[in-house]
Amino acid sequence: MAKVKKNVIIEGLSGRIGNLVFKQYGDKTVVCKWPEHDPGRVPTPGEAHQRGRIKEAAVMAKSVLETEDGQAYYQAARKRLGKHSAYHMAVYDFFGVP
């Protein structure tokens, strides 16, 4: 993974180009290698369970952030802890991460 600094061509870019993935984290641009996936691989029971928990966390975070109280609470927590977004804070909360 590489961080892009002061490059007007790549700054703000997001998405995939060839085998490179450009991501935005706040005001930073990060470049990663496109992951290699085996389409025939079957997830282990533990992986399947964890994916289910992540889906539950996403549903919870989206539903909480649709309310004004939830949005205000997680925005304040995000600012206080310096996290990326209120959505991330709600997901962290689902998993019990302080």
PDB file of N, CA and C in Angstrom:
ATOM      1  N   MET A   1       0.855  -1.164   0.000  1.00  0.00           N
ATOM      2  CA  MET A   1       0.000   0.000   0.000  1.00  0.00           C
ATOM      3  C   MET A   1       0.902   1.228   0.000  1.00  0.00           C
ATOM      4  N   ALA A   2       0.501   2.217  -0.770  1.00  0.00           N
ATOM      5  CA  ALA A   2       1.253   3.470  -0.849  1.00  0.00           C
ATOM      6  C   ALA A   2       0.316   4.638  -0.602  1.00  0.00           C
ATOM      7  N   LYS A   3       0.860   5.686   0.012  1.00  0.00           N
ATOM      8  CA  LYS A   3       0.098   6.913   0.222  1.00  0.00           C
ATOM      9  C   LYS A   3       0.577   7.939  -0.792  1.00  0.00           C
ATOM     10  N   VAL A   4      -0.356   8.641  -1.396  1.00  0.00           N
ATOM     11  CA  VAL A   4      -0.044   9.640  -2.414  1.00  0.00           C
ATOM     12  C   VAL A   4       0.029  11.007  -1.750  1.00  0.00           C
ATOM     13  N   LYS A   5       1.114  11.733  -2.031  1.00  0.00           N
ATOM     14  CA  LYS A   5       1.274  13.075  -1.470  1.00  0.00           C
ATOM     15  C   LYS A   5       1.547  14.064  -2.595  1.00  0.00           C
ATOM     16  N   LYS A   6       0.760  15.116  -2.651  1.00  0.00           N
ATOM     17  CA  LYS A   6       0.956  16.242  -3.559  1.00  0.00           C
ATOM     18  C   LYS A   6       1.120  15.814  -5.021  1.00  0.00           C
ATOM     19  N   ASN A   7       0.228  14.967  -5.508  1.00  0.00           N
ATOM     20  CA  ASN A   7       0.225  14.561  -6.902  1.00  0.00           C
ATOM     21  C   ASN A   7      -1.117  14.988  -7.486  1.00  0.00           C
ATOM     22  N   VAL A   8      -1.122  16.040  -8.285  1.00  0.00           N
ATOM     23  CA  VAL A   8      -2.374  16.609  -8.783  1.00  0.00           C
ATOM     24  C   VAL A   8      -3.120  15.661  -9.713  1.00  0.00           C
ATOM     25  N   ILE A   9      -2.435  14.722 -10.323  1.00  0.00           N
ATOM     26  CA  ILE A   9      -3.093  13.786 -11.241  1.00  0.00           C
ATOM     27  C   ILE A   9      -3.854  12.712 -10.463  1.00  0.00           C
ATOM     28  N   ILE A  10      -3.266  12.197  -9.410  1.00  0.00           N
ATOM     29  CA  ILE A  10      -3.847  11.084  -8.668  1.00  0.00           C
ATOM     30  C   ILE A  10      -4.663  11.547  -7.470  1.00  0.00           C
ATOM     31  N   GLU A  11      -4.406  12.723  -6.951  1.00  0.00           N
ATOM     32  CA  GLU A  11      -5.099  13.214  -5.765  1.00  0.00           C
ATOM     33  C   GLU A  11      -6.615  13.233  -5.991  1.00  0.00           C
ATOM     34  N   GLY A  12      -7.354  12.611  -5.097  1.00  0.00           N
ATOM     35  CA  GLY A  12      -8.809  12.561  -5.199  1.00  0.00           C
ATOM     36  C   GLY A  12      -9.332  11.422  -6.060  1.00  0.00           C
ATOM     37  N   LEU A  13      -8.453  10.680  -6.710  1.00  0.00           N
ATOM     38  CA  LEU A  13      -8.858   9.568  -7.569  1.00  0.00           C
ATOM     39  C   LEU A  13      -9.307   8.390  -6.711  1.00  0.00           C
ATOM     40  N   SER A  14     -10.354   7.701  -7.134  1.00  0.00           N
ATOM     41  CA  SER A  14     -10.763   6.480  -6.449  1.00  0.00           C
ATOM     42  C   SER A  14     -11.267   5.489  -7.479  1.00  0.00           C
ATOM     43  N   GLY A  15     -11.045   4.218  -7.180  1.00  0.00           N
ATOM     44  CA  GLY A  15     -11.472   3.162  -8.088  1.00  0.00           C
ATOM     45  C   GLY A  15     -10.303   2.309  -8.530  1.00  0.00           C
ATOM     46  N   ARG A  16     -10.555   1.468  -9.510  1.00  0.00           N
ATOM     47  CA  ARG A  16      -9.553   0.523  -9.989  1.00  0.00           C
ATOM     48  C   ARG A  16      -9.052   0.933 -11.361  1.00  0.00           C
ATOM     49  N   ILE A  17      -7.741   0.880 -11.522  1.00  0.00           N
ATOM     50  CA  ILE A  17      -7.097   1.059 -12.822  1.00  0.00           C
ATOM     51  C   ILE A  17      -6.107  -0.086 -12.962  1.00  0.00           C
ATOM     52  N   GLY A  18      -6.410  -1.010 -13.868  1.00  0.00           N
ATOM     53  CA  GLY A  18      -5.544  -2.175 -14.025  1.00  0.00           C
ATOM     54  C   GLY A  18      -5.507  -2.979 -12.741  1.00  0.00           C
ATOM     55  N   ASN A  19      -4.296  -3.207 -12.222  1.00  0.00           N
ATOM     56  CA  ASN A  19      -4.136  -3.954 -10.978  1.00  0.00           C
ATOM     57  C   ASN A  19      -3.943  -3.046  -9.771  1.00  0.00           C
ATOM     58  N   LEU A  20      -4.258  -1.762  -9.919  1.00  0.00           N
ATOM     59  CA  LEU A  20      -4.133  -0.814  -8.817  1.00  0.00           C
ATOM     60  C   LEU A  20      -5.510  -0.353  -8.359  1.00  0.00           C
ATOM     61  N   VAL A  21      -5.657  -0.171  -7.050  1.00  0.00           N
ATOM     62  CA  VAL A  21      -6.901   0.326  -6.470  1.00  0.00           C
ATOM     63  C   VAL A  21      -6.580   1.627  -5.743  1.00  0.00           C
ATOM     64  N   PHE A  22      -7.316   2.682  -6.075  1.00  0.00           N
ATOM     65  CA  PHE A  22      -7.143   3.987  -5.445  1.00  0.00           C
ATOM     66  C   PHE A  22      -8.301   4.188  -4.477  1.00  0.00           C
ATOM     67  N   LYS A  23      -7.960   4.510  -3.213  1.00  0.00           N
ATOM     68  CA  LYS A  23      -8.976   4.683  -2.171  1.00  0.00           C
ATOM     69  C   LYS A  23      -8.809   6.048  -1.526  1.00  0.00           C
ATOM     70  N   GLN A  24      -9.919   6.567  -1.015  1.00  0.00           N
ATOM     71  CA  GLN A  24      -9.908   7.846  -0.310  1.00  0.00           C
ATOM     72  C   GLN A  24     -10.201   7.601   1.161  1.00  0.00           C
ATOM     73  N   TYR A  25      -9.326   8.092   2.017  1.00  0.00           N
ATOM     74  CA  TYR A  25      -9.523   8.063   3.464  1.00  0.00           C
ATOM     75  C   TYR A  25      -9.386   9.491   3.956  1.00  0.00           C
ATOM     76  N   GLY A  26     -10.527  10.139   4.160  1.00  0.00           N
ATOM     77  CA  GLY A  26     -10.489  11.549   4.542  1.00  0.00           C
ATOM     78  C   GLY A  26      -9.905  12.365   3.407  1.00  0.00           C
ATOM     79  N   ASP A  27      -8.814  13.055   3.662  1.00  0.00           N
ATOM     80  CA  ASP A  27      -8.164  13.858   2.626  1.00  0.00           C
ATOM     81  C   ASP A  27      -6.942  13.157   2.049  1.00  0.00           C
ATOM     82  N   LYS A  28      -6.796  11.845   2.303  1.00  0.00           N
ATOM     83  CA  LYS A  28      -5.636  11.094   1.834  1.00  0.00           C
ATOM     84  C   LYS A  28      -6.034  10.143   0.711  1.00  0.00           C
ATOM     85  N   THR A  29      -5.157   9.987  -0.261  1.00  0.00           N
ATOM     86  CA  THR A  29      -5.340   9.016  -1.331  1.00  0.00           C
ATOM     87  C   THR A  29      -4.376   7.868  -1.080  1.00  0.00           C
ATOM     88  N   VAL A  30      -4.882   6.637  -1.101  1.00  0.00           N
ATOM     89  CA  VAL A  30      -4.070   5.453  -0.855  1.00  0.00           C
ATOM     90  C   VAL A  30      -4.154   4.558  -2.083  1.00  0.00           C
ATOM     91  N   VAL A  31      -3.004   3.990  -2.488  1.00  0.00           N
ATOM     92  CA  VAL A  31      -2.938   3.104  -3.643  1.00  0.00           C
ATOM     93  C   VAL A  31      -2.586   1.703  -3.150  1.00  0.00           C
ATOM     94  N   CYS A  32      -3.383   0.706  -3.560  1.00  0.00           N
ATOM     95  CA  CYS A  32      -3.163  -0.680  -3.164  1.00  0.00           C
ATOM     96  C   CYS A  32      -3.161  -1.568  -4.405  1.00  0.00           C
ATOM     97  N   LYS A  33      -2.620  -2.755  -4.248  1.00  0.00           N
ATOM     98  CA  LYS A  33      -2.657  -3.761  -5.300  1.00  0.00           C
ATOM     99  C   LYS A  33      -4.044  -4.403  -5.312  1.00  0.00           C
ATOM    100  N   TRP A  34      -4.588  -4.657  -6.503  1.00  0.00           N
ATOM    101  CA  TRP A  34      -5.874  -5.335  -6.628  1.00  0.00           C
ATOM    102  C   TRP A  34      -5.725  -6.736  -6.036  1.00  0.00           C
ATOM    103  N   PRO A  35      -6.623  -7.151  -5.129  1.00  0.00           N
ATOM    104  CA  PRO A  35      -6.482  -8.464  -4.497  1.00  0.00           C
ATOM    105  C   PRO A  35      -6.766  -9.597  -5.477  1.00  0.00           C
ATOM    106  N   GLU A  36      -6.072 -10.702  -5.266  1.00  0.00           N
ATOM    107  CA  GLU A  36      -6.295 -11.888  -6.087  1.00  0.00           C
ATOM    108  C   GLU A  36      -7.307 -12.773  -5.369  1.00  0.00           C
ATOM    109  N   HIS A  37      -8.359 -13.164  -6.069  1.00  0.00           N
ATOM    110  CA  HIS A  37      -9.408 -13.992  -5.486  1.00  0.00           C
ATOM    111  C   HIS A  37      -9.509 -15.299  -6.257  1.00  0.00           C
ATOM    112  N   ASP A  38      -9.739 -16.386  -5.529  1.00  0.00           N
ATOM    113  CA  ASP A  38     -10.001 -17.681  -6.135  1.00  0.00           C
ATOM    114  C   ASP A  38     -11.512 -17.857  -6.182  1.00  0.00           C
ATOM    115  N   PRO A  39     -12.122 -17.752  -7.381  1.00  0.00           N
ATOM    116  CA  PRO A  39     -13.586 -17.812  -7.459  1.00  0.00           C
ATOM    117  C   PRO A  39     -14.172 -19.147  -6.996  1.00  0.00           C
ATOM    118  N   GLY A  40     -13.384 -20.217  -7.003  1.00  0.00           N
ATOM    119  CA  GLY A  40     -13.895 -21.519  -6.597  1.00  0.00           C
ATOM    120  C   GLY A  40     -13.732 -21.811  -5.114  1.00  0.00           C
ATOM    121  N   ARG A  41     -13.103 -20.912  -4.381  1.00  0.00           N
ATOM    122  CA  ARG A  41     -12.839 -21.138  -2.961  1.00  0.00           C
ATOM    123  C   ARG A  41     -14.122 -21.003  -2.147  1.00  0.00           C
ATOM    124  N   VAL A  42     -14.360 -21.974  -1.291  1.00  0.00           N
ATOM    125  CA  VAL A  42     -15.534 -21.960  -0.415  1.00  0.00           C
ATOM    126  C   VAL A  42     -15.097 -21.404   0.942  1.00  0.00           C
ATOM    127  N   PRO A  43     -15.816 -20.409   1.477  1.00  0.00           N
ATOM    128  CA  PRO A  43     -15.422 -19.857   2.775  1.00  0.00           C
ATOM    129  C   PRO A  43     -15.576 -20.883   3.899  1.00  0.00           C
ATOM    130  N   THR A  44     -14.702 -20.777   4.890  1.00  0.00           N
ATOM    131  CA  THR A  44     -14.798 -21.655   6.054  1.00  0.00           C
ATOM    132  C   THR A  44     -16.033 -21.266   6.867  1.00  0.00           C
ATOM    133  N   PRO A  45     -16.493 -22.144   7.752  1.00  0.00           N
ATOM    134  CA  PRO A  45     -17.643 -21.780   8.594  1.00  0.00           C
ATOM    135  C   PRO A  45     -17.391 -20.510   9.409  1.00  0.00           C
ATOM    136  N   GLY A  46     -16.177 -20.329   9.899  1.00  0.00           N
ATOM    137  CA  GLY A  46     -15.851 -19.120  10.659  1.00  0.00           C
ATOM    138  C   GLY A  46     -15.931 -17.870   9.802  1.00  0.00           C
ATOM    139  N   GLU A  47     -15.428 -17.968   8.562  1.00  0.00           N
ATOM    140  CA  GLU A  47     -15.502 -16.827   7.643  1.00  0.00           C
ATOM    141  C   GLU A  47     -16.953 -16.496   7.303  1.00  0.00           C
ATOM    142  N   ALA A  48     -17.750 -17.520   7.055  1.00  0.00           N
ATOM    143  CA  ALA A  48     -19.167 -17.298   6.731  1.00  0.00           C
ATOM    144  C   ALA A  48     -19.888 -16.656   7.915  1.00  0.00           C
ATOM    145  N   HIS A  49     -19.580 -17.110   9.126  1.00  0.00           N
ATOM    146  CA  HIS A  49     -20.195 -16.525  10.325  1.00  0.00           C
ATOM    147  C   HIS A  49     -19.808 -15.057  10.459  1.00  0.00           C
ATOM    148  N   GLN A  50     -18.521 -14.756  10.269  1.00  0.00           N
ATOM    149  CA  GLN A  50     -18.060 -13.374  10.418  1.00  0.00           C
ATOM    150  C   GLN A  50     -18.662 -12.475   9.343  1.00  0.00           C
ATOM    151  N   ARG A  51     -18.804 -12.965   8.130  1.00  0.00           N
ATOM    152  CA  ARG A  51     -19.444 -12.173   7.068  1.00  0.00           C
ATOM    153  C   ARG A  51     -20.887 -11.852   7.431  1.00  0.00           C
ATOM    154  N   GLY A  52     -21.554 -12.813   8.053  1.00  0.00           N
ATOM    155  CA  GLY A  52     -22.922 -12.566   8.513  1.00  0.00           C
ATOM    156  C   GLY A  52     -22.969 -11.478   9.573  1.00  0.00           C
ATOM    157  N   ARG A  53     -22.003 -11.497  10.494  1.00  0.00           N
ATOM    158  CA  ARG A  53     -21.940 -10.461  11.533  1.00  0.00           C
ATOM    159  C   ARG A  53     -21.658  -9.095  10.918  1.00  0.00           C
ATOM    160  N   ILE A  54     -20.809  -9.052   9.899  1.00  0.00           N
ATOM    161  CA  ILE A  54     -20.502  -7.780   9.239  1.00  0.00           C
ATOM    162  C   ILE A  54     -21.751  -7.239   8.545  1.00  0.00           C
ATOM    163  N   LYS A  55     -22.529  -8.126   7.919  1.00  0.00           N
ATOM    164  CA  LYS A  55     -23.784  -7.693   7.298  1.00  0.00           C
ATOM    165  C   LYS A  55     -24.743  -7.133   8.345  1.00  0.00           C
ATOM    166  N   GLU A  56     -24.823  -7.794   9.503  1.00  0.00           N
ATOM    167  CA  GLU A  56     -25.674  -7.294  10.590  1.00  0.00           C
ATOM    168  C   GLU A  56     -25.205  -5.920  11.052  1.00  0.00           C
ATOM    169  N   ALA A  57     -23.887  -5.743  11.158  1.00  0.00           N
ATOM    170  CA  ALA A  57     -23.332  -4.455  11.588  1.00  0.00           C
ATOM    171  C   ALA A  57     -23.676  -3.365  10.589  1.00  0.00           C
ATOM    172  N   ALA A  58     -23.605  -3.682   9.298  1.00  0.00           N
ATOM    173  CA  ALA A  58     -23.922  -2.694   8.265  1.00  0.00           C
ATOM    174  C   ALA A  58     -25.391  -2.290   8.329  1.00  0.00           C
ATOM    175  N   VAL A  59     -26.270  -3.263   8.507  1.00  0.00           N
ATOM    176  CA  VAL A  59     -27.704  -2.968   8.604  1.00  0.00           C
ATOM    177  C   VAL A  59     -27.978  -2.099   9.824  1.00  0.00           C
ATOM    178  N   MET A  60     -27.368  -2.456  10.964  1.00  0.00           N
ATOM    179  CA  MET A  60     -27.560  -1.676  12.188  1.00  0.00           C
ATOM    180  C   MET A  60     -27.045  -0.252  12.005  1.00  0.00           C
ATOM    181  N   ALA A  61     -25.844  -0.108  11.450  1.00  0.00           N
ATOM    182  CA  ALA A  61     -25.252   1.219  11.282  1.00  0.00           C
ATOM    183  C   ALA A  61     -26.112   2.091  10.373  1.00  0.00           C
ATOM    184  N   LYS A  62     -26.572   1.533   9.271  1.00  0.00           N
ATOM    185  CA  LYS A  62     -27.398   2.315   8.347  1.00  0.00           C
ATOM    186  C   LYS A  62     -28.718   2.730   8.989  1.00  0.00           C
ATOM    187  N   SER A  63     -29.343   1.812   9.730  1.00  0.00           N
ATOM    188  CA  SER A  63     -30.628   2.154  10.346  1.00  0.00           C
ATOM    189  C   SER A  63     -30.461   3.185  11.458  1.00  0.00           C
ATOM    190  N   VAL A  64     -29.398   3.087  12.254  1.00  0.00           N
ATOM    191  CA  VAL A  64     -29.164   4.057  13.329  1.00  0.00           C
ATOM    192  C   VAL A  64     -28.859   5.431  12.747  1.00  0.00           C
ATOM    193  N   LEU A  65     -28.085   5.472  11.665  1.00  0.00           N
ATOM    194  CA  LEU A  65     -27.691   6.755  11.085  1.00  0.00           C
ATOM    195  C   LEU A  65     -28.823   7.431  10.315  1.00  0.00           C
ATOM    196  N   GLU A  66     -29.926   6.729  10.097  1.00  0.00           N
ATOM    197  CA  GLU A  66     -31.089   7.353   9.463  1.00  0.00           C
ATOM    198  C   GLU A  66     -31.865   8.218  10.447  1.00  0.00           C
ATOM    199  N   THR A  67     -31.611   8.050  11.745  1.00  0.00           N
ATOM    200  CA  THR A  67     -32.275   8.872  12.757  1.00  0.00           C
ATOM    201  C   THR A  67     -31.404  10.082  13.084  1.00  0.00           C
ATOM    202  N   GLU A  68     -32.031  11.182  13.443  1.00  0.00           N
ATOM    203  CA  GLU A  68     -31.280  12.397  13.774  1.00  0.00           C
ATOM    204  C   GLU A  68     -30.430  12.198  15.025  1.00  0.00           C
ATOM    205  N   ASP A  69     -30.986  11.527  16.030  1.00  0.00           N
ATOM    206  CA  ASP A  69     -30.239  11.294  17.265  1.00  0.00           C
ATOM    207  C   ASP A  69     -29.013  10.419  17.012  1.00  0.00           C
ATOM    208  N   GLY A  70     -29.204   9.357  16.236  1.00  0.00           N
ATOM    209  CA  GLY A  70     -28.089   8.464  15.921  1.00  0.00           C
ATOM    210  C   GLY A  70     -27.010   9.171  15.127  1.00  0.00           C
ATOM    211  N   GLN A  71     -27.431   9.961  14.143  1.00  0.00           N
ATOM    212  CA  GLN A  71     -26.476  10.715  13.323  1.00  0.00           C
ATOM    213  C   GLN A  71     -25.669  11.681  14.191  1.00  0.00           C
ATOM    214  N   ALA A  72     -26.344  12.407  15.079  1.00  0.00           N
ATOM    215  CA  ALA A  72     -25.660  13.373  15.949  1.00  0.00           C
ATOM    216  C   ALA A  72     -24.690  12.666  16.896  1.00  0.00           C
ATOM    217  N   TYR A  73     -25.126  11.547  17.470  1.00  0.00           N
ATOM    218  CA  TYR A  73     -24.285  10.811  18.420  1.00  0.00           C
ATOM    219  C   TYR A  73     -23.006  10.313  17.751  1.00  0.00           C
ATOM    220  N   TYR A  74     -23.145   9.655  16.601  1.00  0.00           N
ATOM    221  CA  TYR A  74     -21.978   9.066  15.954  1.00  0.00           C
ATOM    222  C   TYR A  74     -21.096  10.112  15.271  1.00  0.00           C
ATOM    223  N   GLN A  75     -21.667  11.228  14.824  1.00  0.00           N
ATOM    224  CA  GLN A  75     -20.836  12.317  14.289  1.00  0.00           C
ATOM    225  C   GLN A  75     -19.976  12.907  15.401  1.00  0.00           C
ATOM    226  N   ALA A  76     -20.564  13.094  16.582  1.00  0.00           N
ATOM    227  CA  ALA A  76     -19.803  13.620  17.719  1.00  0.00           C
ATOM    228  C   ALA A  76     -18.698  12.645  18.126  1.00  0.00           C
ATOM    229  N   ALA A  77     -19.021  11.349  18.142  1.00  0.00           N
ATOM    230  CA  ALA A  77     -18.020  10.339  18.495  1.00  0.00           C
ATOM    231  C   ALA A  77     -16.903  10.307  17.457  1.00  0.00           C
ATOM    232  N   ARG A  78     -17.263  10.436  16.187  1.00  0.00           N
ATOM    233  CA  ARG A  78     -16.268  10.431  15.115  1.00  0.00           C
ATOM    234  C   ARG A  78     -15.292  11.588  15.286  1.00  0.00           C
ATOM    235  N   LYS A  79     -15.826  12.775  15.546  1.00  0.00           N
ATOM    236  CA  LYS A  79     -14.968  13.953  15.714  1.00  0.00           C
ATOM    237  C   LYS A  79     -14.086  13.817  16.951  1.00  0.00           C
ATOM    238  N   ARG A  80     -14.666  13.302  18.027  1.00  0.00           N
ATOM    239  CA  ARG A  80     -13.921  13.167  19.277  1.00  0.00           C
ATOM    240  C   ARG A  80     -12.767  12.172  19.138  1.00  0.00           C
ATOM    241  N   LEU A  81     -12.996  11.072  18.417  1.00  0.00           N
ATOM    242  CA  LEU A  81     -11.984  10.027  18.301  1.00  0.00           C
ATOM    243  C   LEU A  81     -11.158  10.120  17.023  1.00  0.00           C
ATOM    244  N   GLY A  82     -11.517  11.031  16.120  1.00  0.00           N
ATOM    245  CA  GLY A  82     -10.750  11.209  14.887  1.00  0.00           C
ATOM    246  C   GLY A  82     -10.893  10.064  13.902  1.00  0.00           C
ATOM    247  N   LYS A  83     -12.060   9.439  13.864  1.00  0.00           N
ATOM    248  CA  LYS A  83     -12.293   8.337  12.923  1.00  0.00           C
ATOM    249  C   LYS A  83     -12.760   8.886  11.579  1.00  0.00           C
ATOM    250  N   HIS A  84     -12.872   7.982  10.591  1.00  0.00           N
ATOM    251  CA  HIS A  84     -13.198   8.384   9.229  1.00  0.00           C
ATOM    252  C   HIS A  84     -14.636   8.840   9.042  1.00  0.00           C
ATOM    253  N   SER A  85     -15.583   8.122   9.628  1.00  0.00           N
ATOM    254  CA  SER A  85     -16.982   8.482   9.394  1.00  0.00           C
ATOM    255  C   SER A  85     -17.862   8.016  10.546  1.00  0.00           C
ATOM    256  N   ALA A  86     -19.059   8.583  10.596  1.00  0.00           N
ATOM    257  CA  ALA A  86     -20.037   8.171  11.600  1.00  0.00           C
ATOM    258  C   ALA A  86     -20.442   6.715  11.358  1.00  0.00           C
ATOM    259  N   TYR A  87     -20.493   6.297  10.097  1.00  0.00           N
ATOM    260  CA  TYR A  87     -20.824   4.912   9.755  1.00  0.00           C
ATOM    261  C   TYR A  87     -19.811   3.961  10.392  1.00  0.00           C
ATOM    262  N   HIS A  88     -18.512   4.281  10.260  1.00  0.00           N
ATOM    263  CA  HIS A  88     -17.483   3.437  10.867  1.00  0.00           C
ATOM    264  C   HIS A  88     -17.658   3.361  12.382  1.00  0.00           C
ATOM    265  N   MET A  89     -17.997   4.483  12.995  1.00  0.00           N
ATOM    266  CA  MET A  89     -18.196   4.503  14.441  1.00  0.00           C
ATOM    267  C   MET A  89     -19.355   3.589  14.838  1.00  0.00           C
ATOM    268  N   ALA A  90     -20.428   3.597  14.067  1.00  0.00           N
ATOM    269  CA  ALA A  90     -21.575   2.738  14.371  1.00  0.00           C
ATOM    270  C   ALA A  90     -21.208   1.264  14.207  1.00  0.00           C
ATOM    271  N   VAL A  91     -20.415   0.949  13.194  1.00  0.00           N
ATOM    272  CA  VAL A  91     -19.968  -0.435  13.000  1.00  0.00           C
ATOM    273  C   VAL A  91     -19.063  -0.850  14.155  1.00  0.00           C
ATOM    274  N   TYR A  92     -18.119   0.018  14.546  1.00  0.00           N
ATOM    275  CA  TYR A  92     -17.255  -0.275  15.695  1.00  0.00           C
ATOM    276  C   TYR A  92     -18.109  -0.552  16.930  1.00  0.00           C
ATOM    277  N   ASP A  93     -19.146   0.243  17.114  1.00  0.00           N
ATOM    278  CA  ASP A  93     -20.030   0.096  18.263  1.00  0.00           C
ATOM    279  C   ASP A  93     -20.717  -1.272  18.244  1.00  0.00           C
ATOM    280  N   PHE A  94     -21.132  -1.726  17.073  1.00  0.00           N
ATOM    281  CA  PHE A  94     -21.775  -3.038  16.944  1.00  0.00           C
ATOM    282  C   PHE A  94     -20.847  -4.143  17.435  1.00  0.00           C
ATOM    283  N   PHE A  95     -19.565  -4.032  17.087  1.00  0.00           N
ATOM    284  CA  PHE A  95     -18.593  -5.053  17.463  1.00  0.00           C
ATOM    285  C   PHE A  95     -18.018  -4.835  18.858  1.00  0.00           C
ATOM    286  N   GLY A  96     -18.451  -3.771  19.534  1.00  0.00           N
ATOM    287  CA  GLY A  96     -17.992  -3.527  20.892  1.00  0.00           C
ATOM    288  C   GLY A  96     -16.604  -2.933  20.980  1.00  0.00           C
ATOM    289  N   VAL A  97     -16.115  -2.322  19.885  1.00  0.00           N
ATOM    290  CA  VAL A  97     -14.796  -1.694  19.884  1.00  0.00           C
ATOM    291  C   VAL A  97     -14.926  -0.319  20.519  1.00  0.00           C
ATOM    292  N   PRO A  98     -14.097  -0.030  21.536  1.00  0.00           N
ATOM    293  CA  PRO A  98     -14.209   1.290  22.183  1.00  0.00           C
ATOM    294  C   PRO A  98     -13.731   2.424  21.301  1.00  0.00           C
TER     295      PRO A  98
END
